[in-house]
Every structure is written in C-alpha cells, then in structure tokens.
Amino acid sequence: MSSLRKGIEKIEIALKWDPSPLGSPPHDLDLVAATYTGDDPHGSPDYIVHFDSRSPDGTITLNRDSRTGQGFGFDEVMTLELDRLASRYARVVVGVAIQQGEQQTDEAARAKVFADVPNTAVRIREGYTDLSEHDFSTVGASPSTTIAEFVRDTEGEWSFQETVRGFDGDLTTFAAAMGSL
C-alpha cells in the first residue's frame, strides 16, 4: 500500500549578498552541492556541483551564478530535483563558500568570512513553501558553511534538515569535507 506522504521532491536554494565597496575585491559567494551514495553517505562525495556547473544527470543545476552580488534579489539560485536523483544516492549536502581569490596573496592576509560580507541571506524552498531562511550570523567567523542536508529514507522519500555548520577552509577543502560535517 502506498503512502499519501510524498517527501521532498524539488528544492530551490537562493543566495544573496551585497556587493563589496567600490575599489575593493568583489565578494564572491558560491552555492555548493555534494551527493553521497548509500554505500558511503558520510564519506567522499560522488560528485560536486558549484559555480557554472550542473550534475551529470541534470538533477542539480546552478541556474544563476554571480561573482559580485550585484543585482536585485537573489544572486545565485540552485535547483535540486531530488525526485529524479538516481536511487543509489542517499544524501545531498548543500553549503556556501566564499571565494578567496586574489585578496589572499599575502600570507598575513586573513580569509574573508561571512561577517565581512553585508546582507547575506539564503532561502531554501519547496514550491512556494519556505523550509529555511538564514543570514549566516551564527557562522560569521567562517569562510564556508553547510546549510542543508537532504536524506533519502528506506522508502525512497527525501527529508530536509537545516544544518548550518561553519567550516574554516577554502572551497576545495570544504567540498571534500562536506559529507563529514
């Protein structure tokens, strides 16, 4: 007998922030999604989707990518079609990382953190229902953070868990470690 509960099917994650002051290096925040198989749900990601990319099967897509935060509304938008994700995937972790770029050429320079970027916000939504909204204030001292975890249960239904956990590392290190956070 089938259940009336369908679980989460299609998610939109939207990220916004204000541009850096004139003459300063741009604030470049990136949405990052990592997929994990049922065989290794907390290990190495099977694949990662971030700036200007999409998953091999098209189920996770970065629809809008900003390198400056300029524009109205949300600057980056990612869509996760969990209902279309192959059954071998049991977990998807989504995060945000601040690109460090050229401002870290001096070893004494510190990494840009969320507290350095004004008016940051992320919204996680299924259809017209907001599942989560966050302003990164609890992870202000971090250059990257997880924001959401989607887990498939034994019946194949996806659930959502807000997981705001700061991480001290660059995008490459963060993406590799997302499954264990």
N, C-alpha and C. Protein backbone atom coordinates (compact mmCIF):
# COMPACT_ATOMS: atom_id res chain seq x y z
N MET A 1 0.84 -1.17 0.00
CA MET A 1 0.00 0.00 0.00
C MET A 1 0.88 1.24 0.00
N SER A 2 0.56 2.20 -0.81
CA SER A 2 1.37 3.40 -0.91
C SER A 2 0.94 4.44 0.12
N SER A 3 1.88 5.29 0.48
CA SER A 3 1.64 6.34 1.47
C SER A 3 1.17 7.60 0.78
N LEU A 4 0.39 8.42 1.48
CA LEU A 4 -0.02 9.71 0.96
C LEU A 4 1.13 10.71 1.03
N ARG A 5 2.08 10.48 1.93
CA ARG A 5 3.25 11.35 2.07
C ARG A 5 4.19 11.14 0.90
N LYS A 6 4.60 12.21 0.26
CA LYS A 6 5.46 12.09 -0.90
C LYS A 6 6.91 12.47 -0.61
N GLY A 7 7.17 13.13 0.50
CA GLY A 7 8.52 13.59 0.77
C GLY A 7 8.85 14.80 -0.09
N ILE A 8 10.06 15.27 0.04
CA ILE A 8 10.51 16.43 -0.71
C ILE A 8 10.89 16.00 -2.12
N GLU A 9 10.48 16.79 -3.11
CA GLU A 9 10.75 16.43 -4.49
C GLU A 9 11.70 17.40 -5.20
N LYS A 10 11.35 18.68 -5.21
CA LYS A 10 12.14 19.67 -5.94
C LYS A 10 12.39 20.87 -5.04
N ILE A 11 13.65 21.24 -4.92
CA ILE A 11 14.08 22.29 -4.00
C ILE A 11 14.74 23.42 -4.78
N GLU A 12 14.49 24.65 -4.31
CA GLU A 12 15.22 25.81 -4.83
C GLU A 12 15.98 26.43 -3.67
N ILE A 13 17.27 26.64 -3.87
CA ILE A 13 18.10 27.29 -2.86
C ILE A 13 18.59 28.59 -3.48
N ALA A 14 18.29 29.70 -2.79
CA ALA A 14 18.63 31.02 -3.31
C ALA A 14 19.53 31.75 -2.31
N LEU A 15 20.57 32.39 -2.82
CA LEU A 15 21.58 33.05 -2.01
C LEU A 15 21.71 34.50 -2.46
N LYS A 16 21.83 35.42 -1.49
CA LYS A 16 22.05 36.82 -1.85
C LYS A 16 23.03 37.47 -0.89
N TRP A 17 23.65 38.54 -1.37
CA TRP A 17 24.58 39.33 -0.58
C TRP A 17 24.78 40.66 -1.27
N ASP A 18 25.31 41.64 -0.54
CA ASP A 18 25.58 42.95 -1.11
C ASP A 18 26.98 42.98 -1.73
N PRO A 19 27.16 43.75 -2.79
CA PRO A 19 28.49 43.87 -3.41
C PRO A 19 29.48 44.53 -2.46
N SER A 20 30.76 44.33 -2.75
CA SER A 20 31.81 44.96 -1.94
C SER A 20 31.88 46.46 -2.29
N PRO A 21 32.48 47.26 -1.41
CA PRO A 21 32.62 48.70 -1.68
C PRO A 21 33.47 48.94 -2.94
N LEU A 22 33.21 50.03 -3.60
CA LEU A 22 33.94 50.40 -4.81
C LEU A 22 35.44 50.40 -4.54
N GLY A 23 36.20 49.75 -5.40
CA GLY A 23 37.64 49.67 -5.26
C GLY A 23 38.13 48.48 -4.46
N SER A 24 37.23 47.75 -3.84
CA SER A 24 37.59 46.57 -3.06
C SER A 24 37.41 45.32 -3.90
N PRO A 25 38.13 44.22 -3.56
CA PRO A 25 37.90 42.97 -4.28
C PRO A 25 36.43 42.54 -4.13
N PRO A 26 35.83 41.96 -5.16
CA PRO A 26 34.42 41.58 -5.07
C PRO A 26 34.17 40.47 -4.06
N HIS A 27 32.98 40.51 -3.47
CA HIS A 27 32.51 39.41 -2.63
C HIS A 27 31.96 38.37 -3.60
N ASP A 28 32.50 37.17 -3.58
CA ASP A 28 32.05 36.09 -4.47
C ASP A 28 31.68 34.89 -3.61
N LEU A 29 30.39 34.69 -3.40
CA LEU A 29 29.89 33.56 -2.64
C LEU A 29 29.38 32.51 -3.62
N ASP A 30 29.57 31.25 -3.28
CA ASP A 30 29.16 30.16 -4.16
C ASP A 30 28.33 29.13 -3.43
N LEU A 31 27.22 28.73 -4.05
CA LEU A 31 26.45 27.58 -3.59
C LEU A 31 27.19 26.33 -4.03
N VAL A 32 27.23 25.33 -3.16
CA VAL A 32 27.92 24.07 -3.45
C VAL A 32 27.01 22.92 -3.01
N ALA A 33 26.82 21.94 -3.88
CA ALA A 33 26.04 20.75 -3.52
C ALA A 33 26.91 19.51 -3.74
N ALA A 34 26.89 18.61 -2.79
CA ALA A 34 27.66 17.37 -2.88
C ALA A 34 26.71 16.19 -2.69
N THR A 35 26.85 15.19 -3.55
CA THR A 35 25.99 14.00 -3.48
C THR A 35 26.77 12.83 -2.90
N TYR A 36 26.05 11.99 -2.14
CA TYR A 36 26.66 10.84 -1.49
C TYR A 36 25.82 9.60 -1.75
N THR A 37 26.49 8.51 -2.03
CA THR A 37 25.79 7.25 -2.30
C THR A 37 25.38 6.57 -0.99
N GLY A 38 24.48 5.62 -1.10
CA GLY A 38 24.05 4.85 0.07
C GLY A 38 25.18 4.04 0.67
N ASP A 39 26.17 3.67 -0.16
CA ASP A 39 27.32 2.90 0.32
C ASP A 39 28.28 3.74 1.16
N ASP A 40 28.30 5.06 0.95
CA ASP A 40 29.25 5.93 1.65
C ASP A 40 28.60 7.30 1.91
N PRO A 41 27.52 7.34 2.71
CA PRO A 41 26.76 8.59 2.88
C PRO A 41 27.49 9.71 3.62
N HIS A 42 28.59 9.40 4.31
CA HIS A 42 29.33 10.42 5.05
C HIS A 42 30.80 10.47 4.62
N GLY A 43 31.10 9.90 3.48
CA GLY A 43 32.48 9.84 3.01
C GLY A 43 32.77 10.88 1.94
N SER A 44 33.41 10.44 0.88
CA SER A 44 33.75 11.33 -0.23
C SER A 44 32.53 11.51 -1.12
N PRO A 45 32.33 12.74 -1.61
CA PRO A 45 31.18 12.96 -2.49
C PRO A 45 31.35 12.23 -3.82
N ASP A 46 30.23 11.75 -4.37
CA ASP A 46 30.27 11.12 -5.68
C ASP A 46 30.51 12.17 -6.76
N TYR A 47 29.84 13.33 -6.61
CA TYR A 47 30.13 14.48 -7.45
C TYR A 47 29.72 15.75 -6.73
N ILE A 48 30.28 16.87 -7.19
CA ILE A 48 30.04 18.18 -6.59
C ILE A 48 29.53 19.12 -7.69
N VAL A 49 28.53 19.91 -7.35
CA VAL A 49 28.02 20.93 -8.27
C VAL A 49 28.29 22.29 -7.63
N HIS A 50 28.97 23.15 -8.36
CA HIS A 50 29.21 24.52 -7.90
C HIS A 50 29.41 25.41 -9.11
N PHE A 51 29.92 26.62 -8.93
CA PHE A 51 29.91 27.67 -9.93
C PHE A 51 29.89 27.18 -11.38
N ASP A 52 28.84 27.63 -12.07
CA ASP A 52 28.66 27.40 -13.50
C ASP A 52 28.69 25.92 -13.89
N SER A 53 28.04 25.08 -13.08
CA SER A 53 28.02 23.66 -13.43
C SER A 53 26.66 23.05 -13.09
N ARG A 54 26.52 21.79 -13.46
CA ARG A 54 25.32 21.02 -13.13
C ARG A 54 25.73 19.58 -12.94
N SER A 55 24.84 18.79 -12.36
CA SER A 55 25.15 17.38 -12.13
C SER A 55 25.17 16.64 -13.47
N PRO A 56 25.86 15.50 -13.54
CA PRO A 56 25.93 14.74 -14.79
C PRO A 56 24.56 14.35 -15.35
N ASP A 57 23.59 14.11 -14.46
CA ASP A 57 22.25 13.71 -14.92
C ASP A 57 21.28 14.88 -14.98
N GLY A 58 21.72 16.09 -14.67
CA GLY A 58 20.87 17.27 -14.77
C GLY A 58 19.90 17.46 -13.62
N THR A 59 20.03 16.70 -12.53
CA THR A 59 19.10 16.82 -11.41
C THR A 59 19.46 17.94 -10.44
N ILE A 60 20.71 18.39 -10.48
CA ILE A 60 21.14 19.52 -9.64
C ILE A 60 21.77 20.55 -10.59
N THR A 61 21.18 21.75 -10.60
CA THR A 61 21.60 22.77 -11.56
C THR A 61 21.79 24.10 -10.86
N LEU A 62 22.90 24.76 -11.17
CA LEU A 62 23.10 26.13 -10.72
C LEU A 62 22.50 27.02 -11.80
N ASN A 63 21.33 27.58 -11.52
CA ASN A 63 20.59 28.35 -12.52
C ASN A 63 21.11 29.77 -12.67
N ARG A 64 21.66 30.32 -11.60
CA ARG A 64 22.15 31.69 -11.64
C ARG A 64 23.42 31.75 -10.82
N ASP A 65 24.48 32.34 -11.38
CA ASP A 65 25.77 32.43 -10.71
C ASP A 65 26.24 33.88 -10.75
N SER A 66 26.55 34.44 -9.59
CA SER A 66 27.04 35.81 -9.51
C SER A 66 28.45 35.79 -8.93
N ARG A 67 29.28 36.65 -9.44
CA ARG A 67 30.64 36.75 -8.89
C ARG A 67 30.82 38.04 -8.10
N THR A 68 29.75 38.84 -8.00
CA THR A 68 29.88 40.14 -7.34
C THR A 68 28.77 40.45 -6.35
N GLY A 69 27.63 39.80 -6.43
CA GLY A 69 26.50 40.14 -5.58
C GLY A 69 25.67 41.30 -6.11
N GLN A 70 26.03 41.80 -7.30
CA GLN A 70 25.28 42.91 -7.88
C GLN A 70 23.97 42.41 -8.48
N GLY A 71 22.96 43.24 -8.40
CA GLY A 71 21.67 42.89 -8.96
C GLY A 71 20.60 42.94 -7.90
N PHE A 72 19.37 42.71 -8.32
CA PHE A 72 18.24 42.75 -7.40
C PHE A 72 17.89 41.35 -6.95
N GLY A 73 17.48 41.23 -5.71
CA GLY A 73 17.02 39.93 -5.20
C GLY A 73 18.16 38.96 -4.99
N PHE A 74 17.88 37.71 -5.29
CA PHE A 74 18.84 36.65 -5.05
C PHE A 74 19.86 36.58 -6.18
N ASP A 75 21.13 36.40 -5.81
CA ASP A 75 22.24 36.46 -6.76
C ASP A 75 22.60 35.08 -7.33
N GLU A 76 22.43 34.05 -6.55
CA GLU A 76 22.70 32.67 -7.01
C GLU A 76 21.49 31.83 -6.67
N VAL A 77 21.11 30.95 -7.61
CA VAL A 77 19.97 30.06 -7.39
C VAL A 77 20.36 28.67 -7.88
N MET A 78 20.11 27.67 -7.03
CA MET A 78 20.38 26.27 -7.37
C MET A 78 19.09 25.48 -7.24
N THR A 79 18.85 24.57 -8.18
CA THR A 79 17.67 23.71 -8.14
C THR A 79 18.13 22.27 -7.94
N LEU A 80 17.48 21.59 -7.00
CA LEU A 80 17.74 20.17 -6.74
C LEU A 80 16.45 19.40 -7.03
N GLU A 81 16.49 18.54 -8.02
CA GLU A 81 15.33 17.70 -8.34
C GLU A 81 15.57 16.33 -7.69
N LEU A 82 15.30 16.26 -6.41
CA LEU A 82 15.58 15.06 -5.63
C LEU A 82 14.77 13.87 -6.10
N ASP A 83 13.54 14.11 -6.56
CA ASP A 83 12.68 13.01 -7.03
C ASP A 83 13.22 12.34 -8.28
N ARG A 84 14.14 13.00 -9.00
CA ARG A 84 14.74 12.43 -10.20
C ARG A 84 16.14 11.86 -9.96
N LEU A 85 16.69 12.09 -8.78
CA LEU A 85 18.05 11.62 -8.46
C LEU A 85 18.06 10.10 -8.38
N ALA A 86 19.07 9.49 -8.99
CA ALA A 86 19.17 8.03 -9.04
C ALA A 86 19.07 7.42 -7.64
N SER A 87 18.49 6.24 -7.56
CA SER A 87 18.23 5.59 -6.28
C SER A 87 19.50 5.25 -5.49
N ARG A 88 20.65 5.23 -6.13
CA ARG A 88 21.89 4.92 -5.42
C ARG A 88 22.35 6.07 -4.52
N TYR A 89 21.75 7.27 -4.71
CA TYR A 89 22.11 8.42 -3.87
C TYR A 89 21.22 8.47 -2.65
N ALA A 90 21.85 8.62 -1.48
CA ALA A 90 21.12 8.61 -0.21
C ALA A 90 21.19 9.95 0.51
N ARG A 91 22.07 10.83 0.06
CA ARG A 91 22.29 12.07 0.81
C ARG A 91 22.83 13.15 -0.12
N VAL A 92 22.33 14.37 0.08
CA VAL A 92 22.84 15.55 -0.61
C VAL A 92 23.08 16.62 0.45
N VAL A 93 24.29 17.17 0.48
CA VAL A 93 24.63 18.24 1.42
C VAL A 93 24.88 19.50 0.60
N VAL A 94 24.29 20.61 1.05
CA VAL A 94 24.44 21.88 0.35
C VAL A 94 25.13 22.86 1.29
N GLY A 95 26.04 23.65 0.72
CA GLY A 95 26.76 24.64 1.50
C GLY A 95 27.01 25.91 0.72
N VAL A 96 27.65 26.86 1.38
CA VAL A 96 28.04 28.13 0.77
C VAL A 96 29.49 28.37 1.12
N ALA A 97 30.27 28.77 0.12
CA ALA A 97 31.69 29.08 0.35
C ALA A 97 32.00 30.45 -0.24
N ILE A 98 32.84 31.19 0.45
CA ILE A 98 33.29 32.49 -0.05
C ILE A 98 34.58 32.26 -0.82
N GLN A 99 34.58 32.63 -2.09
CA GLN A 99 35.81 32.54 -2.89
C GLN A 99 36.82 33.53 -2.33
N GLN A 100 38.02 33.08 -2.12
CA GLN A 100 39.03 33.94 -1.51
C GLN A 100 39.81 34.74 -2.55
N GLY A 101 39.95 34.22 -3.74
CA GLY A 101 40.55 34.97 -4.85
C GLY A 101 41.89 35.59 -4.56
N GLU A 102 42.08 36.77 -5.12
CA GLU A 102 43.39 37.43 -5.08
C GLU A 102 43.68 38.13 -3.77
N GLN A 103 42.68 38.37 -2.92
CA GLN A 103 42.95 39.10 -1.70
C GLN A 103 43.80 38.32 -0.72
N GLN A 104 44.08 37.02 -0.97
CA GLN A 104 44.89 36.24 -0.04
C GLN A 104 46.28 35.97 -0.59
N THR A 105 46.82 36.86 -1.40
CA THR A 105 48.16 36.64 -1.93
C THR A 105 49.23 36.84 -0.86
N ASP A 106 48.96 37.65 0.13
CA ASP A 106 49.88 37.87 1.24
C ASP A 106 49.55 36.85 2.33
N GLU A 107 50.58 36.15 2.83
CA GLU A 107 50.34 35.13 3.85
C GLU A 107 49.73 35.70 5.12
N ALA A 108 49.95 37.00 5.38
CA ALA A 108 49.40 37.62 6.58
C ALA A 108 47.92 37.96 6.41
N ALA A 109 47.44 37.97 5.19
CA ALA A 109 46.04 38.30 4.94
C ALA A 109 45.14 37.19 5.48
N ARG A 110 44.04 37.57 6.10
CA ARG A 110 43.12 36.57 6.63
C ARG A 110 42.03 36.30 5.60
N ALA A 111 41.44 35.15 5.71
CA ALA A 111 40.37 34.77 4.80
C ALA A 111 39.15 35.66 5.03
N LYS A 112 38.45 35.97 3.95
CA LYS A 112 37.19 36.70 4.06
C LYS A 112 36.17 35.75 4.67
N VAL A 113 35.41 36.22 5.64
CA VAL A 113 34.41 35.41 6.35
C VAL A 113 33.03 36.05 6.17
N PHE A 114 32.00 35.32 6.58
CA PHE A 114 30.63 35.81 6.38
C PHE A 114 30.38 37.16 7.05
N ALA A 115 31.02 37.43 8.19
CA ALA A 115 30.85 38.72 8.86
C ALA A 115 31.39 39.88 8.01
N ASP A 116 32.27 39.58 7.05
CA ASP A 116 32.83 40.62 6.17
C ASP A 116 31.90 40.97 5.01
N VAL A 117 30.90 40.17 4.78
CA VAL A 117 30.01 40.34 3.62
C VAL A 117 28.65 40.82 4.12
N PRO A 118 28.26 42.05 3.74
CA PRO A 118 26.99 42.58 4.26
C PRO A 118 25.75 41.96 3.61
N ASN A 119 24.71 41.87 4.43
CA ASN A 119 23.36 41.46 4.00
C ASN A 119 23.31 40.11 3.30
N THR A 120 24.00 39.12 3.87
CA THR A 120 23.92 37.77 3.32
C THR A 120 22.62 37.11 3.75
N ALA A 121 22.08 36.28 2.89
CA ALA A 121 20.87 35.53 3.22
C ALA A 121 20.75 34.34 2.28
N VAL A 122 20.17 33.27 2.81
CA VAL A 122 19.88 32.10 1.99
C VAL A 122 18.45 31.67 2.30
N ARG A 123 17.76 31.24 1.25
CA ARG A 123 16.39 30.75 1.39
C ARG A 123 16.31 29.38 0.73
N ILE A 124 15.74 28.42 1.45
CA ILE A 124 15.55 27.07 0.93
C ILE A 124 14.05 26.86 0.82
N ARG A 125 13.59 26.50 -0.37
CA ARG A 125 12.16 26.49 -0.64
C ARG A 125 11.78 25.27 -1.47
N GLU A 126 10.61 24.71 -1.14
CA GLU A 126 9.99 23.69 -1.98
C GLU A 126 8.69 24.29 -2.49
N GLY A 127 8.62 24.50 -3.80
CA GLY A 127 7.45 25.19 -4.36
C GLY A 127 7.39 26.60 -3.79
N TYR A 128 6.25 26.93 -3.17
CA TYR A 128 6.09 28.24 -2.54
C TYR A 128 6.26 28.19 -1.03
N THR A 129 6.72 27.07 -0.54
CA THR A 129 6.89 26.89 0.91
C THR A 129 8.35 27.07 1.29
N ASP A 130 8.61 28.05 2.16
CA ASP A 130 9.97 28.26 2.65
C ASP A 130 10.26 27.22 3.74
N LEU A 131 11.30 26.43 3.52
CA LEU A 131 11.72 25.44 4.50
C LEU A 131 12.71 26.04 5.50
N SER A 132 13.49 27.02 5.03
CA SER A 132 14.51 27.62 5.88
C SER A 132 14.95 28.95 5.30
N GLU A 133 15.26 29.88 6.20
CA GLU A 133 15.90 31.14 5.84
C GLU A 133 16.98 31.40 6.87
N HIS A 134 18.13 31.88 6.41
CA HIS A 134 19.26 32.08 7.33
C HIS A 134 20.08 33.26 6.86
N ASP A 135 20.70 33.97 7.82
CA ASP A 135 21.52 35.14 7.48
C ASP A 135 23.01 34.95 7.76
N PHE A 136 23.44 33.76 8.14
CA PHE A 136 24.83 33.40 8.39
C PHE A 136 25.42 34.06 9.64
N SER A 137 24.60 34.69 10.45
CA SER A 137 25.12 35.37 11.65
C SER A 137 25.74 34.38 12.65
N THR A 138 25.27 33.16 12.68
CA THR A 138 25.82 32.17 13.62
C THR A 138 27.15 31.59 13.14
N VAL A 139 27.51 31.85 11.89
CA VAL A 139 28.78 31.36 11.35
C VAL A 139 29.61 32.52 10.79
N GLY A 140 29.46 33.69 11.39
CA GLY A 140 30.11 34.90 10.90
C GLY A 140 31.62 34.81 10.80
N ALA A 141 32.26 34.00 11.63
CA ALA A 141 33.73 33.89 11.63
C ALA A 141 34.25 32.83 10.66
N SER A 142 33.36 32.24 9.86
CA SER A 142 33.74 31.16 8.94
C SER A 142 33.73 31.61 7.49
N PRO A 143 34.62 31.07 6.65
CA PRO A 143 34.59 31.37 5.22
C PRO A 143 33.69 30.42 4.41
N SER A 144 33.17 29.38 5.05
CA SER A 144 32.25 28.46 4.38
C SER A 144 31.38 27.78 5.43
N THR A 145 30.23 27.27 4.98
CA THR A 145 29.30 26.63 5.89
C THR A 145 28.38 25.67 5.15
N THR A 146 27.99 24.62 5.81
CA THR A 146 26.90 23.81 5.28
C THR A 146 25.61 24.55 5.63
N ILE A 147 24.55 24.34 4.84
CA ILE A 147 23.28 24.99 5.14
C ILE A 147 22.12 23.99 5.14
N ALA A 148 22.28 22.88 4.44
CA ALA A 148 21.16 21.93 4.34
C ALA A 148 21.66 20.53 4.06
N GLU A 149 20.87 19.58 4.56
CA GLU A 149 21.14 18.17 4.30
C GLU A 149 19.81 17.54 3.89
N PHE A 150 19.85 16.81 2.80
CA PHE A 150 18.68 16.08 2.31
C PHE A 150 19.02 14.60 2.37
N VAL A 151 18.17 13.82 3.03
CA VAL A 151 18.45 12.40 3.24
C VAL A 151 17.28 11.59 2.72
N ARG A 152 17.61 10.51 1.96
CA ARG A 152 16.59 9.59 1.45
C ARG A 152 16.39 8.46 2.46
N ASP A 153 15.13 8.19 2.81
CA ASP A 153 14.86 7.11 3.76
C ASP A 153 14.74 5.77 3.02
N THR A 154 14.45 4.73 3.77
CA THR A 154 14.39 3.38 3.19
C THR A 154 13.23 3.21 2.21
N GLU A 155 12.23 4.09 2.29
CA GLU A 155 11.10 4.05 1.35
C GLU A 155 11.32 4.93 0.13
N GLY A 156 12.49 5.58 0.07
CA GLY A 156 12.82 6.41 -1.08
C GLY A 156 12.37 7.85 -0.99
N GLU A 157 11.84 8.26 0.16
CA GLU A 157 11.39 9.63 0.34
C GLU A 157 12.50 10.49 0.92
N TRP A 158 12.59 11.73 0.44
CA TRP A 158 13.61 12.65 0.88
C TRP A 158 13.09 13.53 2.02
N SER A 159 13.96 13.81 2.99
CA SER A 159 13.63 14.73 4.07
C SER A 159 14.71 15.82 4.12
N PHE A 160 14.35 16.92 4.75
CA PHE A 160 15.23 18.09 4.85
C PHE A 160 15.63 18.32 6.30
N GLN A 161 16.90 18.69 6.48
CA GLN A 161 17.39 19.09 7.80
C GLN A 161 18.26 20.33 7.61
N GLU A 162 17.93 21.42 8.32
CA GLU A 162 18.79 22.60 8.29
C GLU A 162 20.06 22.26 9.05
N THR A 163 21.21 22.45 8.42
CA THR A 163 22.50 22.12 9.05
C THR A 163 23.47 23.26 8.82
N VAL A 164 23.36 24.30 9.60
CA VAL A 164 24.26 25.44 9.48
C VAL A 164 25.47 25.19 10.37
N ARG A 165 26.58 24.79 9.71
CA ARG A 165 27.82 24.48 10.43
C ARG A 165 28.99 25.14 9.71
N GLY A 166 29.63 26.08 10.38
CA GLY A 166 30.76 26.78 9.80
C GLY A 166 31.96 25.87 9.60
N PHE A 167 32.77 26.22 8.61
CA PHE A 167 33.97 25.44 8.28
C PHE A 167 35.08 26.42 7.97
N ASP A 168 36.28 26.16 8.48
CA ASP A 168 37.43 27.02 8.26
C ASP A 168 38.32 26.39 7.20
N GLY A 169 38.07 26.76 5.95
CA GLY A 169 38.86 26.23 4.84
C GLY A 169 38.38 26.78 3.52
N ASP A 170 39.20 26.60 2.49
CA ASP A 170 38.84 27.09 1.16
C ASP A 170 37.80 26.18 0.51
N LEU A 171 37.35 26.57 -0.68
CA LEU A 171 36.28 25.85 -1.37
C LEU A 171 36.65 24.39 -1.62
N THR A 172 37.85 24.11 -2.06
CA THR A 172 38.26 22.74 -2.38
C THR A 172 38.26 21.86 -1.13
N THR A 173 38.84 22.35 -0.05
CA THR A 173 38.88 21.61 1.21
C THR A 173 37.48 21.42 1.77
N PHE A 174 36.68 22.48 1.71
CA PHE A 174 35.30 22.43 2.20
C PHE A 174 34.48 21.40 1.43
N ALA A 175 34.55 21.43 0.10
CA ALA A 175 33.77 20.49 -0.72
C ALA A 175 34.14 19.04 -0.42
N ALA A 176 35.41 18.78 -0.18
CA ALA A 176 35.84 17.42 0.13
C ALA A 176 35.37 16.97 1.51
N ALA A 177 35.19 17.92 2.43
CA ALA A 177 34.83 17.58 3.81
C ALA A 177 33.34 17.67 4.11
N MET A 178 32.54 18.16 3.19
CA MET A 178 31.12 18.41 3.46
C MET A 178 30.37 17.19 4.01
N GLY A 179 30.69 16.02 3.55
CA GLY A 179 29.99 14.82 3.98
C GLY A 179 30.21 14.45 5.43
N SER A 180 31.31 14.91 6.00
CA SER A 180 31.61 14.57 7.39
C SER A 180 31.20 15.66 8.37
N LEU A 181 30.72 16.77 7.85
CA LEU A 181 30.33 17.89 8.74
C LEU A 181 28.95 17.69 9.31
